[in-house]
Amino acid sequence: MPVALYQRVALRRDLPGQQLRAGDVAYLVDRVPHPAGGEAGCVLEVFNALGESIAVVTVPESDVEALSADEVLSIRRLVAS
């Protein structure tokens, strides 16, 4: 079942160009169709620990997973690659 818009999700893979890692939490803000009929994309907004927006990225839907009750949020330093 797909995650509803405006819900928190976790990345399934690293995005080194954006300094994001698998497990980072983001909000799903939109879905976009693939221009050639491939896998749909998810537009994610990522926030720092203070709630400030730090990135907006588009990833394939398979790179996003719903959060579950048995997971705990954590913090890490955002360091340039």
PDB file of N, CA and C in Angstrom:
ATOM      1  N   MET A   1       0.853  -1.182   0.000  1.00  0.00           N
ATOM      2  CA  MET A   1       0.000   0.000   0.000  1.00  0.00           C
ATOM      3  C   MET A   1       0.892   1.237   0.000  1.00  0.00           C
ATOM      4  N   PRO A   2       0.667   2.160  -0.913  1.00  0.00           N
ATOM      5  CA  PRO A   2       1.523   3.344  -0.988  1.00  0.00           C
ATOM      6  C   PRO A   2       1.337   4.260   0.225  1.00  0.00           C
ATOM      7  N   VAL A   3       2.379   4.973   0.552  1.00  0.00           N
ATOM      8  CA  VAL A   3       2.332   5.938   1.652  1.00  0.00           C
ATOM      9  C   VAL A   3       1.494   7.137   1.215  1.00  0.00           C
ATOM     10  N   ALA A   4       0.675   7.640   2.117  1.00  0.00           N
ATOM     11  CA  ALA A   4      -0.157   8.803   1.823  1.00  0.00           C
ATOM     12  C   ALA A   4       0.701  10.063   1.749  1.00  0.00           C
ATOM     13  N   LEU A   5       0.249  11.023   0.965  1.00  0.00           N
ATOM     14  CA  LEU A   5       0.960  12.301   0.880  1.00  0.00           C
ATOM     15  C   LEU A   5       1.054  12.953   2.256  1.00  0.00           C
ATOM     16  N   TYR A   6       2.112  13.707   2.445  1.00  0.00           N
ATOM     17  CA  TYR A   6       2.381  14.487   3.663  1.00  0.00           C
ATOM     18  C   TYR A   6       2.685  13.629   4.885  1.00  0.00           C
ATOM     19  N   GLN A   7       3.055  12.379   4.654  1.00  0.00           N
ATOM     20  CA  GLN A   7       3.470  11.494   5.738  1.00  0.00           C
ATOM     21  C   GLN A   7       4.993  11.383   5.757  1.00  0.00           C
ATOM     22  N   ARG A   8       5.530  11.066   6.918  1.00  0.00           N
ATOM     23  CA  ARG A   8       6.970  10.842   7.013  1.00  0.00           C
ATOM     24  C   ARG A   8       7.314   9.490   6.420  1.00  0.00           C
ATOM     25  N   VAL A   9       8.435   9.455   5.726  1.00  0.00           N
ATOM     26  CA  VAL A   9       8.945   8.235   5.114  1.00  0.00           C
ATOM     27  C   VAL A   9      10.446   8.163   5.374  1.00  0.00           C
ATOM     28  N   ALA A  10      11.026   7.013   5.094  1.00  0.00           N
ATOM     29  CA  ALA A  10      12.472   6.841   5.203  1.00  0.00           C
ATOM     30  C   ALA A  10      13.042   6.508   3.832  1.00  0.00           C
ATOM     31  N   LEU A  11      14.245   6.995   3.582  1.00  0.00           N
ATOM     32  CA  LEU A  11      14.952   6.645   2.353  1.00  0.00           C
ATOM     33  C   LEU A  11      15.470   5.213   2.459  1.00  0.00           C
ATOM     34  N   ARG A  12      15.446   4.494   1.367  1.00  0.00           N
ATOM     35  CA  ARG A  12      15.977   3.129   1.331  1.00  0.00           C
ATOM     36  C   ARG A  12      17.411   3.078   0.822  1.00  0.00           C
ATOM     37  N   ARG A  13      17.901   4.176   0.262  1.00  0.00           N
ATOM     38  CA  ARG A  13      19.285   4.177  -0.254  1.00  0.00           C
ATOM     39  C   ARG A  13      19.913   5.541  -0.019  1.00  0.00           C
ATOM     40  N   ASP A  14      21.240   5.559  -0.065  1.00  0.00           N
ATOM     41  CA  ASP A  14      21.988   6.808   0.079  1.00  0.00           C
ATOM     42  C   ASP A  14      21.812   7.681  -1.160  1.00  0.00           C
ATOM     43  N   LEU A  15      21.805   8.998  -0.941  1.00  0.00           N
ATOM     44  CA  LEU A  15      21.828   9.982  -2.022  1.00  0.00           C
ATOM     45  C   LEU A  15      23.044  10.877  -1.759  1.00  0.00           C
ATOM     46  N   PRO A  16      24.245  10.409  -2.112  1.00  0.00           N
ATOM     47  CA  PRO A  16      25.470  11.133  -1.759  1.00  0.00           C
ATOM     48  C   PRO A  16      25.517  12.568  -2.266  1.00  0.00           C
ATOM     49  N   GLY A  17      24.982  12.829  -3.431  1.00  0.00           N
ATOM     50  CA  GLY A  17      24.994  14.186  -3.973  1.00  0.00           C
ATOM     51  C   GLY A  17      24.160  15.160  -3.158  1.00  0.00           C
ATOM     52  N   GLN A  18      23.266  14.634  -2.343  1.00  0.00           N
ATOM     53  CA  GLN A  18      22.405  15.462  -1.495  1.00  0.00           C
ATOM     54  C   GLN A  18      22.790  15.356  -0.021  1.00  0.00           C
ATOM     55  N   GLN A  19      23.832  14.595   0.282  1.00  0.00           N
ATOM     56  CA  GLN A  19      24.286  14.343   1.650  1.00  0.00           C
ATOM     57  C   GLN A  19      23.229  13.594   2.467  1.00  0.00           C
ATOM     58  N   LEU A  20      22.427  12.789   1.814  1.00  0.00           N
ATOM     59  CA  LEU A  20      21.387  12.028   2.491  1.00  0.00           C
ATOM     60  C   LEU A  20      21.760  10.553   2.495  1.00  0.00           C
ATOM     61  N   ARG A  21      21.314   9.857   3.540  1.00  0.00           N
ATOM     62  CA  ARG A  21      21.643   8.443   3.701  1.00  0.00           C
ATOM     63  C   ARG A  21      20.385   7.608   3.872  1.00  0.00           C
ATOM     64  N   ALA A  22      20.515   6.316   3.558  1.00  0.00           N
ATOM     65  CA  ALA A  22      19.419   5.380   3.807  1.00  0.00           C
ATOM     66  C   ALA A  22      19.017   5.505   5.273  1.00  0.00           C
ATOM     67  N   GLY A  23      17.722   5.546   5.515  1.00  0.00           N
ATOM     68  CA  GLY A  23      17.215   5.693   6.876  1.00  0.00           C
ATOM     69  C   GLY A  23      16.866   7.115   7.251  1.00  0.00           C
ATOM     70  N   ASP A  24      17.362   8.105   6.489  1.00  0.00           N
ATOM     71  CA  ASP A  24      16.990   9.493   6.768  1.00  0.00           C
ATOM     72  C   ASP A  24      15.484   9.651   6.558  1.00  0.00           C
ATOM     73  N   VAL A  25      14.883  10.493   7.373  1.00  0.00           N
ATOM     74  CA  VAL A  25      13.431  10.694   7.348  1.00  0.00           C
ATOM     75  C   VAL A  25      13.105  11.950   6.540  1.00  0.00           C
ATOM     76  N   ALA A  26      12.051  11.869   5.753  1.00  0.00           N
ATOM     77  CA  ALA A  26      11.597  12.993   4.929  1.00  0.00           C
ATOM     78  C   ALA A  26      10.077  12.967   4.892  1.00  0.00           C
ATOM     79  N   TYR A  27       9.488  14.019   4.358  1.00  0.00           N
ATOM     80  CA  TYR A  27       8.045  14.063   4.137  1.00  0.00           C
ATOM     81  C   TYR A  27       7.762  13.859   2.659  1.00  0.00           C
ATOM     82  N   LEU A  28       6.801  13.011   2.355  1.00  0.00           N
ATOM     83  CA  LEU A  28       6.358  12.787   0.985  1.00  0.00           C
ATOM     84  C   LEU A  28       5.423  13.931   0.611  1.00  0.00           C
ATOM     85  N   VAL A  29       5.845  14.793  -0.303  1.00  0.00           N
ATOM     86  CA  VAL A  29       5.039  15.971  -0.645  1.00  0.00           C
ATOM     87  C   VAL A  29       4.342  15.878  -2.007  1.00  0.00           C
ATOM     88  N   ASP A  30       4.774  14.937  -2.854  1.00  0.00           N
ATOM     89  CA  ASP A  30       4.100  14.792  -4.154  1.00  0.00           C
ATOM     90  C   ASP A  30       4.542  13.492  -4.800  1.00  0.00           C
ATOM     91  N   ARG A  31       3.742  13.049  -5.751  1.00  0.00           N
ATOM     92  CA  ARG A  31       4.100  11.922  -6.607  1.00  0.00           C
ATOM     93  C   ARG A  31       4.097  12.436  -8.041  1.00  0.00           C
ATOM     94  N   VAL A  32       5.043  11.960  -8.841  1.00  0.00           N
ATOM     95  CA  VAL A  32       5.122  12.400 -10.228  1.00  0.00           C
ATOM     96  C   VAL A  32       5.272  11.180 -11.135  1.00  0.00           C
ATOM     97  N   PRO A  33       4.565  11.192 -12.267  1.00  0.00           N
ATOM     98  CA  PRO A  33       4.703  10.075 -13.198  1.00  0.00           C
ATOM     99  C   PRO A  33       6.056  10.138 -13.902  1.00  0.00           C
ATOM    100  N   HIS A  34       6.554   8.991 -14.279  1.00  0.00           N
ATOM    101  CA  HIS A  34       7.790   8.927 -15.062  1.00  0.00           C
ATOM    102  C   HIS A  34       7.460   9.386 -16.481  1.00  0.00           C
ATOM    103  N   PRO A  35       8.287  10.244 -17.087  1.00  0.00           N
ATOM    104  CA  PRO A  35       7.962  10.765 -18.423  1.00  0.00           C
ATOM    105  C   PRO A  35       7.914   9.707 -19.519  1.00  0.00           C
ATOM    106  N   ALA A  36       8.583   8.569 -19.302  1.00  0.00           N
ATOM    107  CA  ALA A  36       8.582   7.525 -20.327  1.00  0.00           C
ATOM    108  C   ALA A  36       7.801   6.291 -19.891  1.00  0.00           C
ATOM    109  N   GLY A  37       6.963   6.439 -18.853  1.00  0.00           N
ATOM    110  CA  GLY A  37       6.142   5.320 -18.417  1.00  0.00           C
ATOM    111  C   GLY A  37       6.800   4.384 -17.435  1.00  0.00           C
ATOM    112  N   GLY A  38       7.971   4.725 -16.928  1.00  0.00           N
ATOM    113  CA  GLY A  38       8.666   3.895 -15.945  1.00  0.00           C
ATOM    114  C   GLY A  38       8.100   4.095 -14.552  1.00  0.00           C
ATOM    115  N   GLU A  39       8.913   3.772 -13.579  1.00  0.00           N
ATOM    116  CA  GLU A  39       8.498   3.869 -12.180  1.00  0.00           C
ATOM    117  C   GLU A  39       8.186   5.320 -11.796  1.00  0.00           C
ATOM    118  N   ALA A  40       7.092   5.512 -11.101  1.00  0.00           N
ATOM    119  CA  ALA A  40       6.716   6.855 -10.633  1.00  0.00           C
ATOM    120  C   ALA A  40       7.746   7.367  -9.643  1.00  0.00           C
ATOM    121  N   GLY A  41       7.792   8.679  -9.507  1.00  0.00           N
ATOM    122  CA  GLY A  41       8.720   9.300  -8.578  1.00  0.00           C
ATOM    123  C   GLY A  41       8.002   9.873  -7.372  1.00  0.00           C
ATOM    124  N   CYS A  42       8.759  10.062  -6.298  1.00  0.00           N
ATOM    125  CA  CYS A  42       8.256  10.685  -5.079  1.00  0.00           C
ATOM    126  C   CYS A  42       9.081  11.937  -4.811  1.00  0.00           C
ATOM    127  N   VAL A  43       8.395  13.038  -4.591  1.00  0.00           N
ATOM    128  CA  VAL A  43       9.062  14.280  -4.220  1.00  0.00           C
ATOM    129  C   VAL A  43       9.084  14.322  -2.695  1.00  0.00           C
ATOM    130  N   LEU A  44      10.277  14.431  -2.136  1.00  0.00           N
ATOM    131  CA  LEU A  44      10.462  14.415  -0.690  1.00  0.00           C
ATOM    132  C   LEU A  44      11.048  15.733  -0.219  1.00  0.00           C
ATOM    133  N   GLU A  45      10.600  16.202   0.931  1.00  0.00           N
ATOM    134  CA  GLU A  45      11.224  17.354   1.568  1.00  0.00           C
ATOM    135  C   GLU A  45      11.884  16.856   2.848  1.00  0.00           C
ATOM    136  N   VAL A  46      13.149  17.232   3.004  1.00  0.00           N
ATOM    137  CA  VAL A  46      13.952  16.784   4.141  1.00  0.00           C
ATOM    138  C   VAL A  46      14.201  17.980   5.055  1.00  0.00           C
ATOM    139  N   PHE A  47      14.076  17.751   6.342  1.00  0.00           N
ATOM    140  CA  PHE A  47      14.265  18.801   7.344  1.00  0.00           C
ATOM    141  C   PHE A  47      15.398  18.428   8.286  1.00  0.00           C
ATOM    142  N   ASN A  48      16.067  19.444   8.840  1.00  0.00           N
ATOM    143  CA  ASN A  48      17.078  19.164   9.859  1.00  0.00           C
ATOM    144  C   ASN A  48      16.383  18.958  11.205  1.00  0.00           C
ATOM    145  N   ALA A  49      17.171  18.726  12.248  1.00  0.00           N
ATOM    146  CA  ALA A  49      16.611  18.438  13.575  1.00  0.00           C
ATOM    147  C   ALA A  49      15.827  19.612  14.154  1.00  0.00           C
ATOM    148  N   LEU A  50      16.057  20.827  13.656  1.00  0.00           N
ATOM    149  CA  LEU A  50      15.345  22.002  14.138  1.00  0.00           C
ATOM    150  C   LEU A  50      14.084  22.303  13.326  1.00  0.00           C
ATOM    151  N   GLY A  51      13.804  21.468  12.315  1.00  0.00           N
ATOM    152  CA  GLY A  51      12.609  21.656  11.508  1.00  0.00           C
ATOM    153  C   GLY A  51      12.789  22.576  10.321  1.00  0.00           C
ATOM    154  N   GLU A  52      14.045  22.897   9.983  1.00  0.00           N
ATOM    155  CA  GLU A  52      14.333  23.761   8.827  1.00  0.00           C
ATOM    156  C   GLU A  52      14.510  22.893   7.577  1.00  0.00           C
ATOM    157  N   SER A  53      13.872  23.293   6.503  1.00  0.00           N
ATOM    158  CA  SER A  53      13.981  22.546   5.254  1.00  0.00           C
ATOM    159  C   SER A  53      15.408  22.612   4.733  1.00  0.00           C
ATOM    160  N   ILE A  54      15.986  21.451   4.401  1.00  0.00           N
ATOM    161  CA  ILE A  54      17.364  21.428   3.904  1.00  0.00           C
ATOM    162  C   ILE A  54      17.492  20.844   2.501  1.00  0.00           C
ATOM    163  N   ALA A  55      16.448  20.162   2.025  1.00  0.00           N
ATOM    164  CA  ALA A  55      16.533  19.585   0.677  1.00  0.00           C
ATOM    165  C   ALA A  55      15.147  19.195   0.193  1.00  0.00           C
ATOM    166  N   VAL A  56      14.973  19.285  -1.120  1.00  0.00           N
ATOM    167  CA  VAL A  56      13.809  18.722  -1.799  1.00  0.00           C
ATOM    168  C   VAL A  56      14.381  17.842  -2.903  1.00  0.00           C
ATOM    169  N   VAL A  57      14.036  16.567  -2.878  1.00  0.00           N
ATOM    170  CA  VAL A  57      14.590  15.614  -3.839  1.00  0.00           C
ATOM    171  C   VAL A  57      13.466  14.794  -4.448  1.00  0.00           C
ATOM    172  N   THR A  58      13.716  14.271  -5.625  1.00  0.00           N
ATOM    173  CA  THR A  58      12.790  13.343  -6.276  1.00  0.00           C
ATOM    174  C   THR A  58      13.500  12.016  -6.435  1.00  0.00           C
ATOM    175  N   VAL A  59      12.872  10.962  -5.969  1.00  0.00           N
ATOM    176  CA  VAL A  59      13.457   9.621  -6.034  1.00  0.00           C
ATOM    177  C   VAL A  59      12.401   8.653  -6.558  1.00  0.00           C
ATOM    178  N   PRO A  60      12.831   7.513  -7.104  1.00  0.00           N
ATOM    179  CA  PRO A  60      11.852   6.499  -7.508  1.00  0.00           C
ATOM    180  C   PRO A  60      11.053   6.028  -6.295  1.00  0.00           C
ATOM    181  N   GLU A  61       9.816   5.658  -6.525  1.00  0.00           N
ATOM    182  CA  GLU A  61       8.933   5.210  -5.449  1.00  0.00           C
ATOM    183  C   GLU A  61       9.537   4.051  -4.653  1.00  0.00           C
ATOM    184  N   SER A  62      10.317   3.203  -5.304  1.00  0.00           N
ATOM    185  CA  SER A  62      10.928   2.054  -4.617  1.00  0.00           C
ATOM    186  C   SER A  62      12.029   2.473  -3.637  1.00  0.00           C
ATOM    187  N   ASP A  63      12.470   3.722  -3.672  1.00  0.00           N
ATOM    188  CA  ASP A  63      13.500   4.212  -2.747  1.00  0.00           C
ATOM    189  C   ASP A  63      12.913   4.787  -1.466  1.00  0.00           C
ATOM    190  N   VAL A  64      11.601   4.623  -1.280  1.00  0.00           N
ATOM    191  CA  VAL A  64      10.902   5.203  -0.132  1.00  0.00           C
ATOM    192  C   VAL A  64      10.168   4.093   0.610  1.00  0.00           C
ATOM    193  N   GLU A  65      10.208   4.151   1.944  1.00  0.00           N
ATOM    194  CA  GLU A  65       9.443   3.184   2.731  1.00  0.00           C
ATOM    195  C   GLU A  65       8.720   3.892   3.868  1.00  0.00           C
ATOM    196  N   ALA A  66       7.583   3.345   4.239  1.00  0.00           N
ATOM    197  CA  ALA A  66       6.808   3.888   5.351  1.00  0.00           C
ATOM    198  C   ALA A  66       7.553   3.653   6.661  1.00  0.00           C
ATOM    199  N   LEU A  67       7.308   4.524   7.623  1.00  0.00           N
ATOM    200  CA  LEU A  67       7.851   4.322   8.959  1.00  0.00           C
ATOM    201  C   LEU A  67       6.938   3.362   9.712  1.00  0.00           C
ATOM    202  N   SER A  68       7.498   2.678  10.713  1.00  0.00           N
ATOM    203  CA  SER A  68       6.679   1.765  11.513  1.00  0.00           C
ATOM    204  C   SER A  68       6.890   2.027  12.996  1.00  0.00           C
ATOM    205  N   ALA A  69       5.975   1.542  13.788  1.00  0.00           N
ATOM    206  CA  ALA A  69       5.975   1.803  15.232  1.00  0.00           C
ATOM    207  C   ALA A  69       7.175   1.200  15.948  1.00  0.00           C
ATOM    208  N   ASP A  70       7.840   0.224  15.357  1.00  0.00           N
ATOM    209  CA  ASP A  70       8.979  -0.404  16.038  1.00  0.00           C
ATOM    210  C   ASP A  70      10.318   0.224  15.646  1.00  0.00           C
ATOM    211  N   GLU A  71      10.282   1.423  15.067  1.00  0.00           N
ATOM    212  CA  GLU A  71      11.505   2.136  14.678  1.00  0.00           C
ATOM    213  C   GLU A  71      11.685   3.364  15.566  1.00  0.00           C
ATOM    214  N   VAL A  72      12.949   3.751  15.767  1.00  0.00           N
ATOM    215  CA  VAL A  72      13.290   4.902  16.597  1.00  0.00           C
ATOM    216  C   VAL A  72      14.047   5.907  15.738  1.00  0.00           C
ATOM    217  N   LEU A  73      13.683   7.196  15.841  1.00  0.00           N
ATOM    218  CA  LEU A  73      14.399   8.233  15.111  1.00  0.00           C
ATOM    219  C   LEU A  73      15.743   8.490  15.784  1.00  0.00           C
ATOM    220  N   SER A  74      16.707   8.934  15.010  1.00  0.00           N
ATOM    221  CA  SER A  74      18.048   9.209  15.494  1.00  0.00           C
ATOM    222  C   SER A  74      18.555  10.470  14.809  1.00  0.00           C
ATOM    223  N   ILE A  75      19.679  11.022  15.266  1.00  0.00           N
ATOM    224  CA  ILE A  75      20.264  12.162  14.593  1.00  0.00           C
ATOM    225  C   ILE A  75      21.679  11.843  14.146  1.00  0.00           C
ATOM    226  N   ARG A  76      22.149  12.570  13.158  1.00  0.00           N
ATOM    227  CA  ARG A  76      23.532  12.473  12.704  1.00  0.00           C
ATOM    228  C   ARG A  76      23.918  13.840  12.186  1.00  0.00           C
ATOM    229  N   ARG A  77      25.206  14.120  12.121  1.00  0.00           N
ATOM    230  CA  ARG A  77      25.683  15.382  11.600  1.00  0.00           C
ATOM    231  C   ARG A  77      25.589  15.371  10.082  1.00  0.00           C
ATOM    232  N   LEU A  78      25.157  16.491   9.516  1.00  0.00           N
ATOM    233  CA  LEU A  78      25.104  16.646   8.076  1.00  0.00           C
ATOM    234  C   LEU A  78      26.457  17.188   7.648  1.00  0.00           C
ATOM    235  N   VAL A  79      27.256  16.333   7.040  1.00  0.00           N
ATOM    236  CA  VAL A  79      28.622  16.692   6.660  1.00  0.00           C
ATOM    237  C   VAL A  79      28.734  16.638   5.144  1.00  0.00           C
ATOM    238  N   ALA A  80      29.376  17.640   4.570  1.00  0.00           N
ATOM    239  CA  ALA A  80      29.570  17.666   3.117  1.00  0.00           C
ATOM    240  C   ALA A  80      30.344  16.440   2.663  1.00  0.00           C
ATOM    241  N   SER A  81      29.930  15.873   1.528  1.00  0.00           N
ATOM    242  CA  SER A  81      30.606  14.687   0.977  1.00  0.00           C
ATOM    243  C   SER A  81      31.962  15.047   0.425  1.00  0.00           C
TER     244      SER A  81
END
